[in-house]
Amino acid sequence: MTTTLNERAVRAATDNRIREELITEHEQTILRSACTATHRYITKSDDEWSIALCAFSKAIDVYSAEKGDFLPFAQMLMKRELIDYYRSQKNALREVPTAPHIMEGNGEPEEDPDGVYFAVVRSSKEKSDRSMKDEITAANEMLMTYGFRFFDLTECSPQQDKTRRECAKAARYMLDQYPPELIEELVRKKKLPVKALAKGSGVSKKTIDRYRKYLIMAVLILRGDYPHIAEYLKFVREEDTK
């Protein structure tokens, strides 16, 4: 059975259906791992659940047979991410969090290994209500219909300033100049029109294709009712003067 699970984990990296099945089957394992790492009872309403879930999905992305059995590997990764999260929370009590700039693509990966998803999750800690958490949940459910999750953005956000500006240019074109019927086509078909977007925006097809998930997220968040998350994308609306 272990061998079967390992094989499924490898396949899940490129098959969203299998990924969803593995996550559903191992929800209790994810919760137990969160409880063990935090030494307290955790429910799906807690941030620790989101972080452990994110780490489990990340484990699927980076797993290979050389790493041993999948489940112990995933449990190790969940524990590590939760420990890192608590360390970041201690730092946040002493200074203003700087992680959200990663969502804007302004910085190198090593400056914040957690990436986009954790940037937004951390910021929700600063709010007294659950508005940010509700937005994260809603955004995640919406993006899942496009074949990826909100926390997948940890791996697909632009890191270099030049690339960030190019992605902003493409997203701004879709938001301000793209024919409404083509936006509706994106929503209906759940697919980014890479060729048409490259031609209209002047951004290379290679860049648009590489950052497809990021662009879909940016356009849908800025068009939708996600005011808190949209704050981290306000640079998209700013014309590049460099």
C-alpha atoms as a PDB file:
ATOM      1  CA  MET A   1       0.000   0.000   0.000  1.00  0.00           C
ATOM      2  CA  THR A   2       2.882   2.343   0.755  1.00  0.00           C
ATOM      3  CA  THR A   3       4.262   1.818  -2.720  1.00  0.00           C
ATOM      4  CA  THR A   4       0.874   2.663  -4.215  1.00  0.00           C
ATOM      5  CA  LEU A   5       0.674   5.872  -2.194  1.00  0.00           C
ATOM      6  CA  ASN A   6       4.173   6.862  -3.285  1.00  0.00           C
ATOM      7  CA  GLU A   7       3.269   6.313  -6.922  1.00  0.00           C
ATOM      8  CA  ARG A   8       0.050   8.305  -6.578  1.00  0.00           C
ATOM      9  CA  ALA A   9       1.941  11.153  -4.939  1.00  0.00           C
ATOM     10  CA  VAL A  10       4.303  11.317  -7.911  1.00  0.00           C
ATOM     11  CA  ARG A  11       1.396  11.331 -10.357  1.00  0.00           C
ATOM     12  CA  ALA A  12      -0.477  13.941  -8.294  1.00  0.00           C
ATOM     13  CA  ALA A  13       2.187  16.529  -9.052  1.00  0.00           C
ATOM     14  CA  THR A  14       0.807  16.785 -12.586  1.00  0.00           C
ATOM     15  CA  ASP A  15      -2.749  15.491 -12.069  1.00  0.00           C
ATOM     16  CA  ASN A  16      -5.070  17.776 -10.089  1.00  0.00           C
ATOM     17  CA  ARG A  17      -7.708  15.070  -9.712  1.00  0.00           C
ATOM     18  CA  ILE A  18      -5.288  12.751  -7.915  1.00  0.00           C
ATOM     19  CA  ARG A  19      -3.981  15.688  -5.855  1.00  0.00           C
ATOM     20  CA  GLU A  20      -7.511  16.458  -4.663  1.00  0.00           C
ATOM     21  CA  GLU A  21      -8.106  12.802  -3.843  1.00  0.00           C
ATOM     22  CA  LEU A  22      -4.908  12.570  -1.781  1.00  0.00           C
ATOM     23  CA  ILE A  23      -5.724  15.749   0.125  1.00  0.00           C
ATOM     24  CA  THR A  24      -9.267  14.564   0.869  1.00  0.00           C
ATOM     25  CA  GLU A  25      -8.073  11.123   1.960  1.00  0.00           C
ATOM     26  CA  HIS A  26      -5.429  12.575   4.273  1.00  0.00           C
ATOM     27  CA  GLU A  27      -7.315  15.449   5.885  1.00  0.00           C
ATOM     28  CA  GLN A  28      -7.117  13.787   9.280  1.00  0.00           C
ATOM     29  CA  THR A  29      -3.391  13.202   8.831  1.00  0.00           C
ATOM     30  CA  ILE A  30      -2.944  16.869   7.990  1.00  0.00           C
ATOM     31  CA  LEU A  31      -4.919  17.904  11.076  1.00  0.00           C
ATOM     32  CA  ARG A  32      -2.980  15.511  13.304  1.00  0.00           C
ATOM     33  CA  SER A  33       0.309  16.816  11.983  1.00  0.00           C
ATOM     34  CA  ALA A  34      -0.804  20.370  12.749  1.00  0.00           C
ATOM     35  CA  CYS A  35      -1.863  19.363  16.262  1.00  0.00           C
ATOM     36  CA  THR A  36       1.410  17.540  16.898  1.00  0.00           C
ATOM     37  CA  ALA A  37       3.542  20.420  15.672  1.00  0.00           C
ATOM     38  CA  THR A  38       1.631  23.067  17.639  1.00  0.00           C
ATOM     39  CA  HIS A  39       0.843  20.989  20.746  1.00  0.00           C
ATOM     40  CA  ARG A  40      -2.777  22.093  20.710  1.00  0.00           C
ATOM     41  CA  TYR A  41      -6.104  21.169  19.137  1.00  0.00           C
ATOM     42  CA  ILE A  42      -6.427  22.452  15.562  1.00  0.00           C
ATOM     43  CA  THR A  43      -9.552  22.724  13.418  1.00  0.00           C
ATOM     44  CA  LYS A  44     -10.085  23.771   9.821  1.00  0.00           C
ATOM     45  CA  SER A  45     -10.925  27.261  11.044  1.00  0.00           C
ATOM     46  CA  ASP A  46      -7.362  27.811  12.260  1.00  0.00           C
ATOM     47  CA  ASP A  47      -4.528  29.294  10.221  1.00  0.00           C
ATOM     48  CA  GLU A  48      -2.430  26.264  11.137  1.00  0.00           C
ATOM     49  CA  TRP A  49      -4.770  24.072   9.108  1.00  0.00           C
ATOM     50  CA  SER A  50      -4.227  26.237   6.030  1.00  0.00           C
ATOM     51  CA  ILE A  51      -0.476  26.162   6.516  1.00  0.00           C
ATOM     52  CA  ALA A  52      -0.355  22.392   7.007  1.00  0.00           C
ATOM     53  CA  LEU A  53      -2.618  21.915   3.977  1.00  0.00           C
ATOM     54  CA  CYS A  54      -0.376  24.151   1.908  1.00  0.00           C
ATOM     55  CA  ALA A  55       2.694  22.203   3.035  1.00  0.00           C
ATOM     56  CA  PHE A  56       1.025  18.884   2.150  1.00  0.00           C
ATOM     57  CA  SER A  57       0.296  20.126  -1.358  1.00  0.00           C
ATOM     58  CA  LYS A  58       3.825  21.458  -1.615  1.00  0.00           C
ATOM     59  CA  ALA A  59       5.101  18.023  -0.579  1.00  0.00           C
ATOM     60  CA  ILE A  60       3.271  16.575  -3.582  1.00  0.00           C
ATOM     61  CA  ASP A  61       4.973  19.087  -5.861  1.00  0.00           C
ATOM     62  CA  VAL A  62       8.516  18.328  -4.691  1.00  0.00           C
ATOM     63  CA  TYR A  63       8.236  14.618  -3.831  1.00  0.00           C
ATOM     64  CA  SER A  64      10.244  11.930  -5.611  1.00  0.00           C
ATOM     65  CA  ALA A  65      10.875   8.270  -4.830  1.00  0.00           C
ATOM     66  CA  GLU A  66      14.418   9.114  -3.705  1.00  0.00           C
ATOM     67  CA  LYS A  67      12.958  10.986  -0.737  1.00  0.00           C
ATOM     68  CA  GLY A  68      11.574   7.799   0.821  1.00  0.00           C
ATOM     69  CA  ASP A  69       7.917   7.139   1.602  1.00  0.00           C
ATOM     70  CA  PHE A  70       5.641  10.033   0.783  1.00  0.00           C
ATOM     71  CA  LEU A  71       3.638  10.287   3.992  1.00  0.00           C
ATOM     72  CA  PRO A  72       6.607  10.668   6.394  1.00  0.00           C
ATOM     73  CA  PHE A  73       8.105  13.145   3.942  1.00  0.00           C
ATOM     74  CA  ALA A  74       4.879  15.185   3.887  1.00  0.00           C
ATOM     75  CA  GLN A  75       4.625  15.089   7.688  1.00  0.00           C
ATOM     76  CA  MET A  76       8.194  16.365   7.997  1.00  0.00           C
ATOM     77  CA  LEU A  77       7.469  19.211   5.589  1.00  0.00           C
ATOM     78  CA  MET A  78       4.269  20.178   7.412  1.00  0.00           C
ATOM     79  CA  LYS A  79       6.096  20.291  10.723  1.00  0.00           C
ATOM     80  CA  ARG A  80       8.879  22.416   9.271  1.00  0.00           C
ATOM     81  CA  GLU A  81       6.488  24.904   7.678  1.00  0.00           C
ATOM     82  CA  LEU A  82       4.508  25.281  10.906  1.00  0.00           C
ATOM     83  CA  ILE A  83       7.681  25.880  12.913  1.00  0.00           C
ATOM     84  CA  ASP A  84       8.757  28.513  10.394  1.00  0.00           C
ATOM     85  CA  TYR A  85       5.301  30.081  10.613  1.00  0.00           C
ATOM     86  CA  TYR A  86       5.476  30.414  14.401  1.00  0.00           C
ATOM     87  CA  ARG A  87       8.917  31.931  14.166  1.00  0.00           C
ATOM     88  CA  SER A  88       7.594  34.488  11.721  1.00  0.00           C
ATOM     89  CA  GLN A  89       4.716  35.289  14.062  1.00  0.00           C
ATOM     90  CA  LYS A  90       7.127  36.021  16.883  1.00  0.00           C
ATOM     91  CA  ASN A  91       9.010  38.394  14.617  1.00  0.00           C
ATOM     92  CA  ALA A  92       5.745  40.015  13.541  1.00  0.00           C
ATOM     93  CA  LEU A  93       5.065  41.035  17.113  1.00  0.00           C
ATOM     94  CA  ARG A  94       8.220  43.137  17.060  1.00  0.00           C
ATOM     95  CA  GLU A  95       8.067  44.651  13.590  1.00  0.00           C
ATOM     96  CA  VAL A  96       5.729  45.267  10.665  1.00  0.00           C
ATOM     97  CA  PRO A  97       5.616  42.218   8.371  1.00  0.00           C
ATOM     98  CA  THR A  98       7.441  42.703   5.088  1.00  0.00           C
ATOM     99  CA  ALA A  99       6.483  39.430   3.448  1.00  0.00           C
ATOM    100  CA  PRO A 100       3.589  40.784   1.299  1.00  0.00           C
ATOM    101  CA  HIS A 101       6.042  42.463  -1.086  1.00  0.00           C
ATOM    102  CA  ILE A 102       6.791  39.002  -2.436  1.00  0.00           C
ATOM    103  CA  MET A 103       3.277  38.848  -3.879  1.00  0.00           C
ATOM    104  CA  GLU A 104       4.191  41.891  -5.922  1.00  0.00           C
ATOM    105  CA  GLY A 105       7.204  39.987  -7.255  1.00  0.00           C
ATOM    106  CA  ASN A 106       9.563  42.545  -5.735  1.00  0.00           C
ATOM    107  CA  GLY A 107      12.366  40.455  -4.288  1.00  0.00           C
ATOM    108  CA  GLU A 108      14.340  37.268  -4.651  1.00  0.00           C
ATOM    109  CA  PRO A 109      12.931  33.887  -3.556  1.00  0.00           C
ATOM    110  CA  GLU A 110      15.529  33.462  -0.822  1.00  0.00           C
ATOM    111  CA  GLU A 111      14.223  36.611   0.884  1.00  0.00           C
ATOM    112  CA  ASP A 112      10.971  34.842   1.667  1.00  0.00           C
ATOM    113  CA  PRO A 113      10.922  31.097   1.021  1.00  0.00           C
ATOM    114  CA  ASP A 114       7.264  30.860   2.032  1.00  0.00           C
ATOM    115  CA  GLY A 115       6.098  32.926  -0.943  1.00  0.00           C
ATOM    116  CA  VAL A 116       2.737  34.432  -1.881  1.00  0.00           C
ATOM    117  CA  TYR A 117       0.329  32.301   0.065  1.00  0.00           C
ATOM    118  CA  PHE A 118       2.004  32.774   3.438  1.00  0.00           C
ATOM    119  CA  ALA A 119       2.377  36.500   2.822  1.00  0.00           C
ATOM    120  CA  VAL A 120      -1.390  36.870   2.704  1.00  0.00           C
ATOM    121  CA  VAL A 121      -2.033  34.368   5.509  1.00  0.00           C
ATOM    122  CA  ARG A 122       0.363  36.249   7.763  1.00  0.00           C
ATOM    123  CA  SER A 123      -1.300  39.553   7.029  1.00  0.00           C
ATOM    124  CA  SER A 124      -4.633  38.078   8.117  1.00  0.00           C
ATOM    125  CA  LYS A 125      -3.151  37.808  11.608  1.00  0.00           C
ATOM    126  CA  GLU A 126      -3.012  41.586  11.738  1.00  0.00           C
ATOM    127  CA  LYS A 127      -6.772  41.915  11.241  1.00  0.00           C
ATOM    128  CA  SER A 128      -9.244  41.646  14.074  1.00  0.00           C
ATOM    129  CA  ASP A 129     -12.009  40.150  11.920  1.00  0.00           C
ATOM    130  CA  ARG A 130     -12.075  37.166   9.563  1.00  0.00           C
ATOM    131  CA  SER A 131     -12.439  39.195   6.366  1.00  0.00           C
ATOM    132  CA  MET A 132      -9.009  38.290   5.013  1.00  0.00           C
ATOM    133  CA  LYS A 133      -9.444  34.626   5.871  1.00  0.00           C
ATOM    134  CA  ASP A 134     -12.832  34.635   4.162  1.00  0.00           C
ATOM    135  CA  GLU A 135     -11.258  36.182   1.057  1.00  0.00           C
ATOM    136  CA  ILE A 136      -8.480  33.577   1.030  1.00  0.00           C
ATOM    137  CA  THR A 137     -11.055  30.782   1.225  1.00  0.00           C
ATOM    138  CA  ALA A 138     -13.204  32.308  -1.514  1.00  0.00           C
ATOM    139  CA  ALA A 139     -10.198  32.999  -3.757  1.00  0.00           C
ATOM    140  CA  ASN A 140      -8.918  29.466  -3.289  1.00  0.00           C
ATOM    141  CA  GLU A 141     -12.281  27.964  -4.230  1.00  0.00           C
ATOM    142  CA  MET A 142     -12.492  30.201  -7.300  1.00  0.00           C
ATOM    143  CA  LEU A 143      -8.952  29.430  -8.488  1.00  0.00           C
ATOM    144  CA  MET A 144      -9.491  25.690  -8.035  1.00  0.00           C
ATOM    145  CA  THR A 145     -11.958  25.851 -10.914  1.00  0.00           C
ATOM    146  CA  TYR A 146      -8.995  26.981 -13.050  1.00  0.00           C
ATOM    147  CA  GLY A 147      -6.929  23.948 -12.109  1.00  0.00           C
ATOM    148  CA  PHE A 148      -4.731  25.373  -9.346  1.00  0.00           C
ATOM    149  CA  ARG A 149      -4.920  26.598  -5.768  1.00  0.00           C
ATOM    150  CA  PHE A 150      -4.185  29.915  -4.145  1.00  0.00           C
ATOM    151  CA  PHE A 151      -1.091  28.519  -2.437  1.00  0.00           C
ATOM    152  CA  ASP A 152       0.268  27.252  -5.774  1.00  0.00           C
ATOM    153  CA  LEU A 153       1.282  30.869  -6.311  1.00  0.00           C
ATOM    154  CA  THR A 154       4.274  30.251  -4.060  1.00  0.00           C
ATOM    155  CA  GLU A 155       5.910  28.685  -7.098  1.00  0.00           C
ATOM    156  CA  CYS A 156       4.667  30.873  -9.944  1.00  0.00           C
ATOM    157  CA  SER A 157       4.935  34.537  -8.953  1.00  0.00           C
ATOM    158  CA  PRO A 158       7.431  36.744 -10.823  1.00  0.00           C
ATOM    159  CA  GLN A 159      10.559  37.471  -8.794  1.00  0.00           C
ATOM    160  CA  GLN A 160      12.558  39.911 -10.916  1.00  0.00           C
ATOM    161  CA  ASP A 161      11.477  43.559 -11.282  1.00  0.00           C
ATOM    162  CA  LYS A 162      11.553  43.386 -15.082  1.00  0.00           C
ATOM    163  CA  THR A 163       9.340  40.298 -15.158  1.00  0.00           C
ATOM    164  CA  ARG A 164       7.045  41.810 -12.552  1.00  0.00           C
ATOM    165  CA  ARG A 165       6.536  44.875 -14.758  1.00  0.00           C
ATOM    166  CA  GLU A 166       5.875  42.703 -17.809  1.00  0.00           C
ATOM    167  CA  CYS A 167       3.253  40.675 -15.931  1.00  0.00           C
ATOM    168  CA  ALA A 168       1.655  43.883 -14.655  1.00  0.00           C
ATOM    169  CA  LYS A 169       1.514  45.196 -18.215  1.00  0.00           C
ATOM    170  CA  ALA A 170      -0.215  42.026 -19.458  1.00  0.00           C
ATOM    171  CA  ALA A 171      -2.675  42.010 -16.546  1.00  0.00           C
ATOM    172  CA  ARG A 172      -3.417  45.720 -16.993  1.00  0.00           C
ATOM    173  CA  TYR A 173      -4.138  45.135 -20.683  1.00  0.00           C
ATOM    174  CA  MET A 174      -6.649  42.428 -19.818  1.00  0.00           C
ATOM    175  CA  LEU A 175      -8.296  44.598 -17.185  1.00  0.00           C
ATOM    176  CA  ASP A 176      -8.496  47.838 -19.191  1.00  0.00           C
ATOM    177  CA  GLN A 177      -8.330  47.058 -22.899  1.00  0.00           C
ATOM    178  CA  TYR A 178      -9.292  43.445 -23.388  1.00  0.00           C
ATOM    179  CA  PRO A 179     -12.658  42.932 -25.176  1.00  0.00           C
ATOM    180  CA  PRO A 180     -15.330  41.935 -22.615  1.00  0.00           C
ATOM    181  CA  GLU A 181     -16.292  38.882 -24.624  1.00  0.00           C
ATOM    182  CA  LEU A 182     -12.747  37.546 -24.355  1.00  0.00           C
ATOM    183  CA  ILE A 183     -12.743  38.062 -20.592  1.00  0.00           C
ATOM    184  CA  GLU A 184     -15.979  36.084 -20.468  1.00  0.00           C
ATOM    185  CA  GLU A 185     -14.278  33.417 -22.556  1.00  0.00           C
ATOM    186  CA  LEU A 186     -11.519  33.206 -19.944  1.00  0.00           C
ATOM    187  CA  VAL A 187     -14.124  32.779 -17.219  1.00  0.00           C
ATOM    188  CA  ARG A 188     -16.104  30.232 -19.231  1.00  0.00           C
ATOM    189  CA  LYS A 189     -13.240  28.136 -20.614  1.00  0.00           C
ATOM    190  CA  LYS A 190     -10.953  28.527 -17.568  1.00  0.00           C
ATOM    191  CA  LYS A 191      -8.034  29.079 -19.925  1.00  0.00           C
ATOM    192  CA  LEU A 192      -5.796  32.102 -20.479  1.00  0.00           C
ATOM    193  CA  PRO A 193      -5.757  33.217 -24.154  1.00  0.00           C
ATOM    194  CA  VAL A 194      -1.961  33.352 -24.312  1.00  0.00           C
ATOM    195  CA  LYS A 195      -1.568  34.121 -28.022  1.00  0.00           C
ATOM    196  CA  ALA A 196      -4.172  36.901 -28.122  1.00  0.00           C
ATOM    197  CA  LEU A 197      -2.874  38.414 -24.883  1.00  0.00           C
ATOM    198  CA  ALA A 198       0.714  38.442 -26.152  1.00  0.00           C
ATOM    199  CA  LYS A 199      -0.328  40.126 -29.389  1.00  0.00           C
ATOM    200  CA  GLY A 200      -2.445  42.772 -27.697  1.00  0.00           C
ATOM    201  CA  SER A 201      -0.224  43.606 -24.717  1.00  0.00           C
ATOM    202  CA  GLY A 202       3.166  43.365 -26.399  1.00  0.00           C
ATOM    203  CA  VAL A 203       4.398  41.011 -23.665  1.00  0.00           C
ATOM    204  CA  SER A 204       6.166  37.906 -24.932  1.00  0.00           C
ATOM    205  CA  LYS A 205       4.199  34.707 -25.273  1.00  0.00           C
ATOM    206  CA  LYS A 206       6.909  32.916 -23.297  1.00  0.00           C
ATOM    207  CA  THR A 207       6.472  35.216 -20.295  1.00  0.00           C
ATOM    208  CA  ILE A 208       2.679  35.018 -20.389  1.00  0.00           C
ATOM    209  CA  ASP A 209       2.733  31.236 -20.647  1.00  0.00           C
ATOM    210  CA  ARG A 210       5.251  30.874 -17.818  1.00  0.00           C
ATOM    211  CA  TYR A 211       3.269  33.107 -15.455  1.00  0.00           C
ATOM    212  CA  ARG A 212      -0.152  31.966 -16.626  1.00  0.00           C
ATOM    213  CA  LYS A 213      -1.424  31.119 -13.137  1.00  0.00           C
ATOM    214  CA  TYR A 214      -0.193  34.387 -11.694  1.00  0.00           C
ATOM    215  CA  LEU A 215      -1.891  36.398 -14.454  1.00  0.00           C
ATOM    216  CA  ILE A 216      -5.177  34.538 -14.076  1.00  0.00           C
ATOM    217  CA  MET A 217      -5.071  35.171 -10.331  1.00  0.00           C
ATOM    218  CA  ALA A 218      -4.223  38.879 -10.728  1.00  0.00           C
ATOM    219  CA  VAL A 219      -6.998  39.553 -13.227  1.00  0.00           C
ATOM    220  CA  LEU A 220      -9.677  37.633 -11.334  1.00  0.00           C
ATOM    221  CA  ILE A 221      -8.751  39.112  -7.955  1.00  0.00           C
ATOM    222  CA  LEU A 222      -8.740  42.679  -9.282  1.00  0.00           C
ATOM    223  CA  ARG A 223     -12.026  42.127 -11.136  1.00  0.00           C
ATOM    224  CA  GLY A 224     -13.671  40.417  -8.194  1.00  0.00           C
ATOM    225  CA  ASP A 225     -14.676  41.249  -4.646  1.00  0.00           C
ATOM    226  CA  TYR A 226     -11.373  40.671  -2.876  1.00  0.00           C
ATOM    227  CA  PRO A 227     -10.403  44.114  -1.499  1.00  0.00           C
ATOM    228  CA  HIS A 228      -7.839  42.897   1.049  1.00  0.00           C
ATOM    229  CA  ILE A 229      -5.960  40.564  -1.307  1.00  0.00           C
ATOM    230  CA  ALA A 230      -6.199  43.181  -4.064  1.00  0.00           C
ATOM    231  CA  GLU A 231      -4.089  45.492  -1.896  1.00  0.00           C
ATOM    232  CA  TYR A 232      -1.090  43.301  -2.677  1.00  0.00           C
ATOM    233  CA  LEU A 233      -1.745  43.709  -6.394  1.00  0.00           C
ATOM    234  CA  LYS A 234      -2.278  47.453  -6.542  1.00  0.00           C
ATOM    235  CA  PHE A 235       1.048  47.832  -8.379  1.00  0.00           C
ATOM    236  CA  VAL A 236      -0.628  46.236 -11.409  1.00  0.00           C
ATOM    237  CA  ARG A 237      -2.769  49.352 -11.791  1.00  0.00           C
ATOM    238  CA  GLU A 238       0.251  51.656 -11.674  1.00  0.00           C
ATOM    239  CA  GLU A 239       1.666  52.631 -15.043  1.00  0.00           C
ATOM    240  CA  ASP A 240       5.346  51.752 -15.406  1.00  0.00           C
ATOM    241  CA  THR A 241       7.410  54.902 -15.817  1.00  0.00           C
ATOM    242  CA  LYS A 242      10.848  53.262 -15.802  1.00  0.00           C
END
